[in-house]
Amino acid sequence: QVQLIESGGRLVPAGGSLRLSCRASGITLSQHVVGWFRLTPEKEYEFVGGIGWSGGSGYLRDFVKGRFTISRDNDKNTVYLEMNALKPEDTAVYYCAAPPQGVTSITVPGAYTYWGQGTQITVSS
C-alpha cells in the first residue's frame, strides 16, 4: 500500500519559514517525480513546484520562485518543500503527490496517482 505523509504545516507569521516533509512508504520516491500542490479557495489543486527523479533544484512556479525550494533525501525516501518569506496568500492546505513511474508531466494534478492527506499552513498578517 502506497502512502505519502506530509508534515510540518502550522500557523506562522508573515515573513516566517517552514519546511514541509513528504515521506513515502510503498514506493521509492527517487523513482518518481514528486509534486507539491495547494488547494485554492475555489477548491482547485494549484501546482506549486516539483522535482524530477534525478533530483536537482526542481521546478517552481513564479509566485514562489526565490522563496521556496524543493529537495530530496533518498535515504529517507522523503521530499521537502522549504518555504521562506511566507505571505498570507500562501495560506492553504499543501499536498505532495507522485505520478506513476515514468510520467514527467508534473504540473497537471490529473497526472498524479498518489496523494498525501495534506498539511495546513496558515500565514498570519
PDB file of N, CA and C in Angstrom:
ATOM      1  N   GLN A   1       0.852  -1.189   0.000  1.00  0.00           N
ATOM      2  CA  GLN A   1       0.000   0.000   0.000  1.00  0.00           C
ATOM      3  C   GLN A   1       0.890   1.243   0.000  1.00  0.00           C
ATOM      4  N   VAL A   2       0.586   2.130  -0.939  1.00  0.00           N
ATOM      5  CA  VAL A   2       1.379   3.349  -1.059  1.00  0.00           C
ATOM      6  C   VAL A   2       0.803   4.429  -0.141  1.00  0.00           C
ATOM      7  N   GLN A   3       1.691   5.065   0.591  1.00  0.00           N
ATOM      8  CA  GLN A   3       1.283   6.190   1.429  1.00  0.00           C
ATOM      9  C   GLN A   3       2.278   7.325   1.275  1.00  0.00           C
ATOM     10  N   LEU A   4       1.744   8.532   1.132  1.00  0.00           N
ATOM     11  CA  LEU A   4       2.544   9.750   1.205  1.00  0.00           C
ATOM     12  C   LEU A   4       2.049  10.510   2.416  1.00  0.00           C
ATOM     13  N   ILE A   5       2.959  10.871   3.295  1.00  0.00           N
ATOM     14  CA  ILE A   5       2.579  11.523   4.535  1.00  0.00           C
ATOM     15  C   ILE A   5       3.287  12.856   4.626  1.00  0.00           C
ATOM     16  N   GLU A   6       2.479  13.942   4.591  1.00  0.00           N
ATOM     17  CA  GLU A   6       3.051  15.278   4.738  1.00  0.00           C
ATOM     18  C   GLU A   6       3.088  15.651   6.210  1.00  0.00           C
ATOM     19  N   SER A   7       4.032  16.480   6.544  1.00  0.00           N
ATOM     20  CA  SER A   7       4.103  17.030   7.891  1.00  0.00           C
ATOM     21  C   SER A   7       4.802  18.379   7.827  1.00  0.00           C
ATOM     22  N   GLY A   8       4.634  19.143   8.901  1.00  0.00           N
ATOM     23  CA  GLY A   8       5.333  20.420   9.010  1.00  0.00           C
ATOM     24  C   GLY A   8       4.453  21.639   8.926  1.00  0.00           C
ATOM     25  N   GLY A   9       3.197  21.473   8.582  1.00  0.00           N
ATOM     26  CA  GLY A   9       2.318  22.619   8.492  1.00  0.00           C
ATOM     27  C   GLY A   9       1.913  23.145   9.861  1.00  0.00           C
ATOM     28  N   ARG A  10       1.778  24.460   9.948  1.00  0.00           N
ATOM     29  CA  ARG A  10       1.359  25.102  11.202  1.00  0.00           C
ATOM     30  C   ARG A  10       1.043  26.558  10.939  1.00  0.00           C
ATOM     31  N   LEU A  11       0.684  27.266  11.996  1.00  0.00           N
ATOM     32  CA  LEU A  11       0.479  28.706  11.931  1.00  0.00           C
ATOM     33  C   LEU A  11       1.840  29.402  12.021  1.00  0.00           C
ATOM     34  N   VAL A  12       2.067  30.358  11.118  1.00  0.00           N
ATOM     35  CA  VAL A  12       3.350  31.059  11.092  1.00  0.00           C
ATOM     36  C   VAL A  12       3.082  32.523  10.730  1.00  0.00           C
ATOM     37  N   PRO A  13       3.818  33.462  11.282  1.00  0.00           N
ATOM     38  CA  PRO A  13       3.610  34.864  10.909  1.00  0.00           C
ATOM     39  C   PRO A  13       4.171  35.163   9.527  1.00  0.00           C
ATOM     40  N   ALA A  14       3.635  36.194   8.918  1.00  0.00           N
ATOM     41  CA  ALA A  14       4.145  36.619   7.607  1.00  0.00           C
ATOM     42  C   ALA A  14       5.642  36.888   7.697  1.00  0.00           C
ATOM     43  N   GLY A  15       6.355  36.444   6.682  1.00  0.00           N
ATOM     44  CA  GLY A  15       7.803  36.564   6.684  1.00  0.00           C
ATOM     45  C   GLY A  15       8.521  35.376   7.294  1.00  0.00           C
ATOM     46  N   GLY A  16       7.776  34.491   7.891  1.00  0.00           N
ATOM     47  CA  GLY A  16       8.354  33.325   8.535  1.00  0.00           C
ATOM     48  C   GLY A  16       8.703  32.211   7.561  1.00  0.00           C
ATOM     49  N   SER A  17       9.199  31.119   8.122  1.00  0.00           N
ATOM     50  CA  SER A  17       9.667  29.983   7.321  1.00  0.00           C
ATOM     51  C   SER A  17       9.089  28.676   7.854  1.00  0.00           C
ATOM     52  N   LEU A  18       8.948  27.733   6.953  1.00  0.00           N
ATOM     53  CA  LEU A  18       8.507  26.392   7.293  1.00  0.00           C
ATOM     54  C   LEU A  18       9.211  25.412   6.382  1.00  0.00           C
ATOM     55  N   ARG A  19       9.325  24.175   6.848  1.00  0.00           N
ATOM     56  CA  ARG A  19       9.774  23.105   5.973  1.00  0.00           C
ATOM     57  C   ARG A  19       8.741  21.981   6.031  1.00  0.00           C
ATOM     58  N   LEU A  20       8.155  21.707   4.893  1.00  0.00           N
ATOM     59  CA  LEU A  20       7.227  20.596   4.790  1.00  0.00           C
ATOM     60  C   LEU A  20       7.994  19.348   4.361  1.00  0.00           C
ATOM     61  N   SER A  21       7.572  18.221   4.917  1.00  0.00           N
ATOM     62  CA  SER A  21       8.165  16.941   4.556  1.00  0.00           C
ATOM     63  C   SER A  21       7.098  16.065   3.918  1.00  0.00           C
ATOM     64  N   CYS A  22       7.517  15.276   2.973  1.00  0.00           N
ATOM     65  CA  CYS A  22       6.647  14.288   2.323  1.00  0.00           C
ATOM     66  C   CYS A  22       7.388  12.962   2.375  1.00  0.00           C
ATOM     67  N   ARG A  23       6.964  12.123   3.282  1.00  0.00           N
ATOM     68  CA  ARG A  23       7.623  10.828   3.467  1.00  0.00           C
ATOM     69  C   ARG A  23       6.759   9.752   2.826  1.00  0.00           C
ATOM     70  N   ALA A  24       7.411   8.849   2.099  1.00  0.00           N
ATOM     71  CA  ALA A  24       6.674   7.821   1.359  1.00  0.00           C
ATOM     72  C   ALA A  24       6.925   6.443   1.929  1.00  0.00           C
ATOM     73  N   SER A  25       5.909   5.616   1.804  1.00  0.00           N
ATOM     74  CA  SER A  25       6.056   4.185   2.038  1.00  0.00           C
ATOM     75  C   SER A  25       5.321   3.460   0.925  1.00  0.00           C
ATOM     76  N   GLY A  26       5.838   2.328   0.560  1.00  0.00           N
ATOM     77  CA  GLY A  26       5.205   1.544  -0.503  1.00  0.00           C
ATOM     78  C   GLY A  26       5.696   1.880  -1.899  1.00  0.00           C
ATOM     79  N   ILE A  27       6.381   3.008  -2.043  1.00  0.00           N
ATOM     80  CA  ILE A  27       7.047   3.362  -3.296  1.00  0.00           C
ATOM     81  C   ILE A  27       8.395   3.973  -2.972  1.00  0.00           C
ATOM     82  N   THR A  28       9.266   3.969  -3.963  1.00  0.00           N
ATOM     83  CA  THR A  28      10.573   4.591  -3.828  1.00  0.00           C
ATOM     84  C   THR A  28      10.509   5.938  -4.527  1.00  0.00           C
ATOM     85  N   LEU A  29      10.487   7.009  -3.748  1.00  0.00           N
ATOM     86  CA  LEU A  29      10.264   8.336  -4.326  1.00  0.00           C
ATOM     87  C   LEU A  29      11.337   8.730  -5.332  1.00  0.00           C
ATOM     88  N   SER A  30      12.531   8.197  -5.186  1.00  0.00           N
ATOM     89  CA  SER A  30      13.595   8.558  -6.115  1.00  0.00           C
ATOM     90  C   SER A  30      13.316   8.056  -7.533  1.00  0.00           C
ATOM     91  N   GLN A  31      12.326   7.194  -7.680  1.00  0.00           N
ATOM     92  CA  GLN A  31      11.948   6.675  -8.993  1.00  0.00           C
ATOM     93  C   GLN A  31      10.754   7.423  -9.588  1.00  0.00           C
ATOM     94  N   HIS A  32      10.303   8.465  -8.896  1.00  0.00           N
ATOM     95  CA  HIS A  32       9.123   9.207  -9.318  1.00  0.00           C
ATOM     96  C   HIS A  32       9.381  10.704  -9.280  1.00  0.00           C
ATOM     97  N   VAL A  33       8.713  11.402 -10.184  1.00  0.00           N
ATOM     98  CA  VAL A  33       8.543  12.836  -9.995  1.00  0.00           C
ATOM     99  C   VAL A  33       7.714  13.043  -8.725  1.00  0.00           C
ATOM    100  N   VAL A  34       7.999  14.092  -7.991  1.00  0.00           N
ATOM    101  CA  VAL A  34       7.170  14.451  -6.833  1.00  0.00           C
ATOM    102  C   VAL A  34       6.750  15.910  -6.994  1.00  0.00           C
ATOM    103  N   GLY A  35       5.470  16.136  -6.850  1.00  0.00           N
ATOM    104  CA  GLY A  35       4.944  17.493  -6.954  1.00  0.00           C
ATOM    105  C   GLY A  35       4.339  17.955  -5.647  1.00  0.00           C
ATOM    106  N   TRP A  36       4.338  19.274  -5.482  1.00  0.00           N
ATOM    107  CA  TRP A  36       3.656  19.908  -4.356  1.00  0.00           C
ATOM    108  C   TRP A  36       2.520  20.759  -4.925  1.00  0.00           C
ATOM    109  N   PHE A  37       1.361  20.599  -4.337  1.00  0.00           N
ATOM    110  CA  PHE A  37       0.170  21.344  -4.740  1.00  0.00           C
ATOM    111  C   PHE A  37      -0.421  22.010  -3.504  1.00  0.00           C
ATOM    112  N   ARG A  38      -1.241  23.009  -3.764  1.00  0.00           N
ATOM    113  CA  ARG A  38      -2.030  23.575  -2.673  1.00  0.00           C
ATOM    114  C   ARG A  38      -3.458  23.765  -3.152  1.00  0.00           C
ATOM    115  N   LEU A  39      -4.367  23.658  -2.203  1.00  0.00           N
ATOM    116  CA  LEU A  39      -5.782  23.747  -2.534  1.00  0.00           C
ATOM    117  C   LEU A  39      -6.225  25.198  -2.445  1.00  0.00           C
ATOM    118  N   THR A  40      -6.755  25.705  -3.547  1.00  0.00           N
ATOM    119  CA  THR A  40      -7.173  27.098  -3.595  1.00  0.00           C
ATOM    120  C   THR A  40      -8.544  27.261  -2.949  1.00  0.00           C
ATOM    121  N   PRO A  41      -8.941  28.502  -2.630  1.00  0.00           N
ATOM    122  CA  PRO A  41     -10.309  28.724  -2.103  1.00  0.00           C
ATOM    123  C   PRO A  41     -11.391  28.235  -3.059  1.00  0.00           C
ATOM    124  N   GLU A  42     -11.055  28.160  -4.354  1.00  0.00           N
ATOM    125  CA  GLU A  42     -12.003  27.648  -5.340  1.00  0.00           C
ATOM    126  C   GLU A  42     -11.985  26.126  -5.404  1.00  0.00           C
ATOM    127  N   LYS A  43     -11.234  25.494  -4.471  1.00  0.00           N
ATOM    128  CA  LYS A  43     -11.167  24.030  -4.368  1.00  0.00           C
ATOM    129  C   LYS A  43     -10.506  23.412  -5.598  1.00  0.00           C
ATOM    130  N   GLU A  44      -9.499  24.095  -6.108  1.00  0.00           N
ATOM    131  CA  GLU A  44      -8.716  23.527  -7.189  1.00  0.00           C
ATOM    132  C   GLU A  44      -7.283  23.298  -6.689  1.00  0.00           C
ATOM    133  N   TYR A  45      -6.649  22.265  -7.233  1.00  0.00           N
ATOM    134  CA  TYR A  45      -5.268  21.975  -6.868  1.00  0.00           C
ATOM    135  C   TYR A  45      -4.345  22.836  -7.729  1.00  0.00           C
ATOM    136  N   GLU A  46      -3.601  23.680  -7.061  1.00  0.00           N
ATOM    137  CA  GLU A  46      -2.685  24.590  -7.733  1.00  0.00           C
ATOM    138  C   GLU A  46      -1.269  24.035  -7.615  1.00  0.00           C
ATOM    139  N   PHE A  47      -0.619  23.834  -8.751  1.00  0.00           N
ATOM    140  CA  PHE A  47       0.737  23.320  -8.746  1.00  0.00           C
ATOM    141  C   PHE A  47       1.681  24.378  -8.187  1.00  0.00           C
ATOM    142  N   VAL A  48       2.477  23.986  -7.200  1.00  0.00           N
ATOM    143  CA  VAL A  48       3.436  24.897  -6.572  1.00  0.00           C
ATOM    144  C   VAL A  48       4.840  24.643  -7.109  1.00  0.00           C
ATOM    145  N   GLY A  49       5.207  23.383  -7.201  1.00  0.00           N
ATOM    146  CA  GLY A  49       6.529  23.018  -7.699  1.00  0.00           C
ATOM    147  C   GLY A  49       6.690  21.515  -7.700  1.00  0.00           C
ATOM    148  N   GLY A  50       7.774  21.061  -8.326  1.00  0.00           N
ATOM    149  CA  GLY A  50       8.020  19.640  -8.395  1.00  0.00           C
ATOM    150  C   GLY A  50       9.494  19.345  -8.587  1.00  0.00           C
ATOM    151  N   ILE A  51       9.839  18.102  -8.390  1.00  0.00           N
ATOM    152  CA  ILE A  51      11.226  17.695  -8.550  1.00  0.00           C
ATOM    153  C   ILE A  51      11.257  16.365  -9.284  1.00  0.00           C
ATOM    154  N   GLY A  52      12.166  16.249 -10.230  1.00  0.00           N
ATOM    155  CA  GLY A  52      12.283  15.037 -11.012  1.00  0.00           C
ATOM    156  C   GLY A  52      12.982  13.932 -10.246  1.00  0.00           C
ATOM    157  N   TRP A  53      12.962  12.730 -10.822  1.00  0.00           N
ATOM    158  CA  TRP A  53      13.567  11.605 -10.120  1.00  0.00           C
ATOM    159  C   TRP A  53      15.070  11.713 -10.024  1.00  0.00           C
ATOM    160  N   SER A  54      15.659  12.530 -10.866  1.00  0.00           N
ATOM    161  CA  SER A  54      17.106  12.714 -10.779  1.00  0.00           C
ATOM    162  C   SER A  54      17.501  13.764  -9.753  1.00  0.00           C
ATOM    163  N   GLY A  55      16.494  14.403  -9.143  1.00  0.00           N
ATOM    164  CA  GLY A  55      16.789  15.396  -8.119  1.00  0.00           C
ATOM    165  C   GLY A  55      17.039  16.750  -8.733  1.00  0.00           C
ATOM    166  N   GLY A  56      18.114  17.369  -8.365  1.00  0.00           N
ATOM    167  CA  GLY A  56      18.386  18.721  -8.838  1.00  0.00           C
ATOM    168  C   GLY A  56      17.601  19.739  -8.036  1.00  0.00           C
ATOM    169  N   SER A  57      17.452  20.915  -8.598  1.00  0.00           N
ATOM    170  CA  SER A  57      16.811  22.008  -7.868  1.00  0.00           C
ATOM    171  C   SER A  57      15.312  22.039  -8.052  1.00  0.00           C
ATOM    172  N   GLY A  58      14.799  21.205  -8.953  1.00  0.00           N
ATOM    173  CA  GLY A  58      13.364  21.168  -9.133  1.00  0.00           C
ATOM    174  C   GLY A  58      12.845  22.333  -9.951  1.00  0.00           C
ATOM    175  N   TYR A  59      11.534  22.384 -10.059  1.00  0.00           N
ATOM    176  CA  TYR A  59      10.860  23.428 -10.824  1.00  0.00           C
ATOM    177  C   TYR A  59       9.836  24.088  -9.913  1.00  0.00           C
ATOM    178  N   LEU A  60       9.822  25.407  -9.878  1.00  0.00           N
ATOM    179  CA  LEU A  60       8.905  26.141  -9.016  1.00  0.00           C
ATOM    180  C   LEU A  60       8.133  27.169  -9.813  1.00  0.00           C
ATOM    181  N   ARG A  61       6.886  27.351  -9.472  1.00  0.00           N
ATOM    182  CA  ARG A  61       6.074  28.388 -10.106  1.00  0.00           C
ATOM    183  C   ARG A  61       6.611  29.765  -9.748  1.00  0.00           C
ATOM    184  N   ASP A  62       6.314  30.705 -10.616  1.00  0.00           N
ATOM    185  CA  ASP A  62       6.854  32.053 -10.423  1.00  0.00           C
ATOM    186  C   ASP A  62       6.424  32.672  -9.100  1.00  0.00           C
ATOM    187  N   PHE A  63       5.213  32.353  -8.632  1.00  0.00           N
ATOM    188  CA  PHE A  63       4.714  33.009  -7.424  1.00  0.00           C
ATOM    189  C   PHE A  63       5.417  32.530  -6.155  1.00  0.00           C
ATOM    190  N   VAL A  64       6.243  31.471  -6.257  1.00  0.00           N
ATOM    191  CA  VAL A  64       7.027  31.029  -5.094  1.00  0.00           C
ATOM    192  C   VAL A  64       8.525  31.001  -5.385  1.00  0.00           C
ATOM    193  N   LYS A  65       8.884  31.233  -6.636  1.00  0.00           N
ATOM    194  CA  LYS A  65      10.290  31.183  -7.008  1.00  0.00           C
ATOM    195  C   LYS A  65      11.082  32.234  -6.228  1.00  0.00           C
ATOM    196  N   GLY A  66      12.226  31.825  -5.711  1.00  0.00           N
ATOM    197  CA  GLY A  66      13.033  32.719  -4.889  1.00  0.00           C
ATOM    198  C   GLY A  66      12.682  32.656  -3.412  1.00  0.00           C
ATOM    199  N   ARG A  67      11.532  32.057  -3.111  1.00  0.00           N
ATOM    200  CA  ARG A  67      11.108  31.916  -1.702  1.00  0.00           C
ATOM    201  C   ARG A  67      11.067  30.454  -1.267  1.00  0.00           C
ATOM    202  N   PHE A  68      10.681  29.561  -2.174  1.00  0.00           N
ATOM    203  CA  PHE A  68      10.551  28.142  -1.860  1.00  0.00           C
ATOM    204  C   PHE A  68      11.646  27.357  -2.578  1.00  0.00           C
ATOM    205  N   THR A  69      12.051  26.252  -1.984  1.00  0.00           N
ATOM    206  CA  THR A  69      12.944  25.312  -2.648  1.00  0.00           C
ATOM    207  C   THR A  69      12.450  23.886  -2.400  1.00  0.00           C
ATOM    208  N   ILE A  70      12.771  23.007  -3.310  1.00  0.00           N
ATOM    209  CA  ILE A  70      12.402  21.595  -3.208  1.00  0.00           C
ATOM    210  C   ILE A  70      13.670  20.762  -3.225  1.00  0.00           C
ATOM    211  N   SER A  71      13.697  19.760  -2.358  1.00  0.00           N
ATOM    212  CA  SER A  71      14.858  18.880  -2.308  1.00  0.00           C
ATOM    213  C   SER A  71      14.432  17.472  -1.951  1.00  0.00           C
ATOM    214  N   ARG A  72      15.358  16.542  -2.133  1.00  0.00           N
ATOM    215  CA  ARG A  72      15.102  15.130  -1.819  1.00  0.00           C
ATOM    216  C   ARG A  72      16.126  14.620  -0.820  1.00  0.00           C
ATOM    217  N   ASP A  73      15.704  13.655  -0.024  1.00  0.00           N
ATOM    218  CA  ASP A  73      16.626  12.825   0.752  1.00  0.00           C
ATOM    219  C   ASP A  73      16.244  11.394   0.424  1.00  0.00           C
ATOM    220  N   ASN A  74      16.949  10.804  -0.526  1.00  0.00           N
ATOM    221  CA  ASN A  74      16.569   9.470  -0.987  1.00  0.00           C
ATOM    222  C   ASN A  74      16.758   8.420   0.103  1.00  0.00           C
ATOM    223  N   ASP A  75      17.722   8.617   0.979  1.00  0.00           N
ATOM    224  CA  ASP A  75      17.928   7.657   2.059  1.00  0.00           C
ATOM    225  C   ASP A  75      16.716   7.602   2.989  1.00  0.00           C
ATOM    226  N   LYS A  76      16.029   8.735   3.120  1.00  0.00           N
ATOM    227  CA  LYS A  76      14.839   8.796   3.979  1.00  0.00           C
ATOM    228  C   LYS A  76      13.547   8.660   3.179  1.00  0.00           C
ATOM    229  N   ASN A  77      13.684   8.481   1.857  1.00  0.00           N
ATOM    230  CA  ASN A  77      12.500   8.361   0.998  1.00  0.00           C
ATOM    231  C   ASN A  77      11.551   9.541   1.227  1.00  0.00           C
ATOM    232  N   THR A  78      12.128  10.721   1.252  1.00  0.00           N
ATOM    233  CA  THR A  78      11.404  11.932   1.632  1.00  0.00           C
ATOM    234  C   THR A  78      11.752  13.080   0.690  1.00  0.00           C
ATOM    235  N   VAL A  79      10.754  13.882   0.396  1.00  0.00           N
ATOM    236  CA  VAL A  79      10.937  15.118  -0.367  1.00  0.00           C
ATOM    237  C   VAL A  79      10.514  16.276   0.526  1.00  0.00           C
ATOM    238  N   TYR A  80      11.223  17.374   0.407  1.00  0.00           N
ATOM    239  CA  TYR A  80      10.978  18.542   1.254  1.00  0.00           C
ATOM    240  C   TYR A  80      10.560  19.741   0.425  1.00  0.00           C
ATOM    241  N   LEU A  81       9.732  20.577   1.023  1.00  0.00           N
ATOM    242  CA  LEU A  81       9.412  21.886   0.466  1.00  0.00           C
ATOM    243  C   LEU A  81       9.810  22.917   1.517  1.00  0.00           C
ATOM    244  N   GLU A  82      10.889  23.611   1.243  1.00  0.00           N
ATOM    245  CA  GLU A  82      11.377  24.648   2.144  1.00  0.00           C
ATOM    246  C   GLU A  82      10.721  25.959   1.742  1.00  0.00           C
ATOM    247  N   MET A  83      10.058  26.595   2.694  1.00  0.00           N
ATOM    248  CA  MET A  83       9.253  27.782   2.406  1.00  0.00           C
ATOM    249  C   MET A  83       9.783  28.936   3.244  1.00  0.00           C
ATOM    250  N   ASN A  84      10.188  29.996   2.592  1.00  0.00           N
ATOM    251  CA  ASN A  84      10.692  31.187   3.272  1.00  0.00           C
ATOM    252  C   ASN A  84       9.884  32.405   2.843  1.00  0.00           C
ATOM    253  N   ALA A  85      10.024  33.472   3.609  1.00  0.00           N
ATOM    254  CA  ALA A  85       9.328  34.728   3.301  1.00  0.00           C
ATOM    255  C   ALA A  85       7.854  34.479   3.025  1.00  0.00           C
ATOM    256  N   LEU A  86       7.215  33.731   3.898  1.00  0.00           N
ATOM    257  CA  LEU A  86       5.824  33.349   3.678  1.00  0.00           C
ATOM    258  C   LEU A  86       4.915  34.565   3.714  1.00  0.00           C
ATOM    259  N   LYS A  87       3.878  34.488   2.880  1.00  0.00           N
ATOM    260  CA  LYS A  87       2.904  35.561   2.760  1.00  0.00           C
ATOM    261  C   LYS A  87       1.530  35.035   3.152  1.00  0.00           C
ATOM    262  N   PRO A  88       0.633  35.902   3.577  1.00  0.00           N
ATOM    263  CA  PRO A  88      -0.722  35.432   3.910  1.00  0.00           C
ATOM    264  C   PRO A  88      -1.381  34.683   2.746  1.00  0.00           C
ATOM    265  N   GLU A  89      -1.085  35.080   1.522  1.00  0.00           N
ATOM    266  CA  GLU A  89      -1.705  34.394   0.379  1.00  0.00           C
ATOM    267  C   GLU A  89      -1.135  32.989   0.155  1.00  0.00           C
ATOM    268  N   ASP A  90      -0.104  32.590   0.904  1.00  0.00           N
ATOM    269  CA  ASP A  90       0.382  31.218   0.858  1.00  0.00           C
ATOM    270  C   ASP A  90      -0.450  30.289   1.743  1.00  0.00           C
ATOM    271  N   THR A  91      -1.376  30.863   2.503  1.00  0.00           N
ATOM    272  CA  THR A  91      -2.233  30.055   3.364  1.00  0.00           C
ATOM    273  C   THR A  91      -3.034  29.066   2.525  1.00  0.00           C
ATOM    274  N   ALA A  92      -2.939  27.787   2.878  1.00  0.00           N
ATOM    275  CA  ALA A  92      -3.636  26.737   2.134  1.00  0.00           C
ATOM    276  C   ALA A  92      -3.311  25.392   2.768  1.00  0.00           C
ATOM    277  N   VAL A  93      -4.017  24.378   2.321  1.00  0.00           N
ATOM    278  CA  VAL A  93      -3.604  23.003   2.591  1.00  0.00           C
ATOM    279  C   VAL A  93      -2.660  22.585   1.480  1.00  0.00           C
ATOM    280  N   TYR A  94      -1.491  22.094   1.857  1.00  0.00           N
ATOM    281  CA  TYR A  94      -0.467  21.694   0.900  1.00  0.00           C
ATOM    282  C   TYR A  94      -0.407  20.172   0.825  1.00  0.00           C
ATOM    283  N   TYR A  95      -0.283  19.692  -0.396  1.00  0.00           N
ATOM    284  CA  TYR A  95      -0.250  18.265  -0.662  1.00  0.00           C
ATOM    285  C   TYR A  95       1.005  17.914  -1.448  1.00  0.00           C
ATOM    286  N   CYS A  96       1.587  16.769  -1.132  1.00  0.00           N
ATOM    287  CA  CYS A  96       2.570  16.206  -2.041  1.00  0.00           C
ATOM    288  C   CYS A  96       1.909  15.072  -2.808  1.00  0.00           C
ATOM    289  N   ALA A  97       2.446  14.813  -3.978  1.00  0.00           N
ATOM    290  CA  ALA A  97       1.856  13.801  -4.841  1.00  0.00           C
ATOM    291  C   ALA A  97       2.921  13.217  -5.751  1.00  0.00           C
ATOM    292  N   ALA A  98       2.670  12.011  -6.203  1.00  0.00           N
ATOM    293  CA  ALA A  98       3.592  11.350  -7.122  1.00  0.00           C
ATOM    294  C   ALA A  98       2.796  10.686  -8.227  1.00  0.00           C
ATOM    295  N   PRO A  99       3.225  10.840  -9.466  1.00  0.00           N
ATOM    296  CA  PRO A  99       2.565  10.164 -10.576  1.00  0.00           C
ATOM    297  C   PRO A  99       3.150   8.767 -10.738  1.00  0.00           C
ATOM    298  N   PRO A 100       2.616   7.979 -11.628  1.00  0.00           N
ATOM    299  CA  PRO A 100       3.236   6.674 -11.898  1.00  0.00           C
ATOM    300  C   PRO A 100       4.669   6.853 -12.390  1.00  0.00           C
ATOM    301  N   GLN A 101       5.474   5.857 -12.175  1.00  0.00           N
ATOM    302  CA  GLN A 101       6.869   5.909 -12.597  1.00  0.00           C
ATOM    303  C   GLN A 101       6.948   6.162 -14.102  1.00  0.00           C
ATOM    304  N   GLY A 102       7.800   7.087 -14.468  1.00  0.00           N
ATOM    305  CA  GLY A 102       7.984   7.395 -15.880  1.00  0.00           C
ATOM    306  C   GLY A 102       7.202   8.591 -16.370  1.00  0.00           C
ATOM    307  N   VAL A 103       6.192   9.012 -15.617  1.00  0.00           N
ATOM    308  CA  VAL A 103       5.402  10.182 -16.008  1.00  0.00           C
ATOM    309  C   VAL A 103       6.195  11.437 -15.690  1.00  0.00           C
ATOM    310  N   THR A 104       6.263  12.342 -16.676  1.00  0.00           N
ATOM    311  CA  THR A 104       7.065  13.542 -16.490  1.00  0.00           C
ATOM    312  C   THR A 104       6.242  14.813 -16.534  1.00  0.00           C
ATOM    313  N   SER A 105       4.947  14.692 -16.783  1.00  0.00           N
ATOM    314  CA  SER A 105       4.077  15.869 -16.844  1.00  0.00           C
ATOM    315  C   SER A 105       3.738  16.276 -15.429  1.00  0.00           C
ATOM    316  N   ILE A 106       4.514  17.193 -14.883  1.00  0.00           N
ATOM    317  CA  ILE A 106       4.442  17.379 -13.439  1.00  0.00           C
ATOM    318  C   ILE A 106       3.485  18.462 -12.991  1.00  0.00           C
ATOM    319  N   THR A 107       2.976  19.280 -13.892  1.00  0.00           N
ATOM    320  CA  THR A 107       2.162  20.410 -13.455  1.00  0.00           C
ATOM    321  C   THR A 107       0.676  20.108 -13.402  1.00  0.00           C
ATOM    322  N   VAL A 108       0.265  18.968 -13.929  1.00  0.00           N
ATOM    323  CA  VAL A 108      -1.156  18.654 -14.061  1.00  0.00           C
ATOM    324  C   VAL A 108      -1.598  17.725 -12.941  1.00  0.00           C
ATOM    325  N   PRO A 109      -2.545  18.135 -12.107  1.00  0.00           N
ATOM    326  CA  PRO A 109      -2.958  17.265 -10.992  1.00  0.00           C
ATOM    327  C   PRO A 109      -3.428  15.893 -11.458  1.00  0.00           C
ATOM    328  N   GLY A 110      -4.091  15.827 -12.595  1.00  0.00           N
ATOM    329  CA  GLY A 110      -4.622  14.557 -13.073  1.00  0.00           C
ATOM    330  C   GLY A 110      -3.559  13.529 -13.424  1.00  0.00           C
ATOM    331  N   ALA A 111      -2.320  13.969 -13.566  1.00  0.00           N
ATOM    332  CA  ALA A 111      -1.237  13.040 -13.881  1.00  0.00           C
ATOM    333  C   ALA A 111      -0.755  12.284 -12.657  1.00  0.00           C
ATOM    334  N   TYR A 112      -1.193  12.723 -11.491  1.00  0.00           N
ATOM    335  CA  TYR A 112      -0.690  12.159 -10.248  1.00  0.00           C
ATOM    336  C   TYR A 112      -1.623  11.080  -9.714  1.00  0.00           C
ATOM    337  N   THR A 113      -1.024   9.970  -9.301  1.00  0.00           N
ATOM    338  CA  THR A 113      -1.777   8.829  -8.788  1.00  0.00           C
ATOM    339  C   THR A 113      -1.812   8.806  -7.270  1.00  0.00           C
ATOM    340  N   TYR A 114      -0.694   9.149  -6.669  1.00  0.00           N
ATOM    341  CA  TYR A 114      -0.548   9.015  -5.217  1.00  0.00           C
ATOM    342  C   TYR A 114      -0.543  10.407  -4.595  1.00  0.00           C
ATOM    343  N   TRP A 115      -1.376  10.579  -3.567  1.00  0.00           N
ATOM    344  CA  TRP A 115      -1.521  11.865  -2.896  1.00  0.00           C
ATOM    345  C   TRP A 115      -1.414  11.673  -1.393  1.00  0.00           C
ATOM    346  N   GLY A 116      -0.831  12.643  -0.738  1.00  0.00           N
ATOM    347  CA  GLY A 116      -0.837  12.659   0.704  1.00  0.00           C
ATOM    348  C   GLY A 116      -2.151  13.203   1.230  1.00  0.00           C
ATOM    349  N   GLN A 117      -2.259  13.266   2.540  1.00  0.00           N
ATOM    350  CA  GLN A 117      -3.502  13.709   3.181  1.00  0.00           C
ATOM    351  C   GLN A 117      -3.574  15.217   3.312  1.00  0.00           C
ATOM    352  N   GLY A 118      -2.458  15.892   3.089  1.00  0.00           N
ATOM    353  CA  GLY A 118      -2.426  17.344   3.167  1.00  0.00           C
ATOM    354  C   GLY A 118      -1.986  17.840   4.529  1.00  0.00           C
ATOM    355  N   THR A 119      -1.377  19.008   4.529  1.00  0.00           N
ATOM    356  CA  THR A 119      -0.976  19.655   5.783  1.00  0.00           C
ATOM    357  C   THR A 119      -1.316  21.137   5.676  1.00  0.00           C
ATOM    358  N   GLN A 120      -1.927  21.675   6.715  1.00  0.00           N
ATOM    359  CA  GLN A 120      -2.426  23.051   6.692  1.00  0.00           C
ATOM    360  C   GLN A 120      -1.315  24.032   7.048  1.00  0.00           C
ATOM    361  N   ILE A 121      -1.179  25.038   6.202  1.00  0.00           N
ATOM    362  CA  ILE A 121      -0.295  26.166   6.505  1.00  0.00           C
ATOM    363  C   ILE A 121      -1.156  27.413   6.601  1.00  0.00           C
ATOM    364  N   THR A 122      -1.015  28.114   7.695  1.00  0.00           N
ATOM    365  CA  THR A 122      -1.726  29.377   7.882  1.00  0.00           C
ATOM    366  C   THR A 122      -0.690  30.458   8.163  1.00  0.00           C
ATOM    367  N   VAL A 123      -0.684  31.473   7.314  1.00  0.00           N
ATOM    368  CA  VAL A 123       0.250  32.582   7.459  1.00  0.00           C
ATOM    369  C   VAL A 123      -0.531  33.796   7.930  1.00  0.00           C
ATOM    370  N   SER A 124      -0.212  34.264   9.109  1.00  0.00           N
ATOM    371  CA  SER A 124      -0.930  35.405   9.668  1.00  0.00           C
ATOM    372  C   SER A 124      -0.270  36.707   9.231  1.00  0.00           C
ATOM    373  N   SER A 125      -1.113  37.725   9.027  1.00  0.00           N
ATOM    374  CA  SER A 125      -0.591  39.019   8.583  1.00  0.00           C
ATOM    375  C   SER A 125      -0.211  39.894   9.765  1.00  0.00           C
TER     376      SER A 125
END
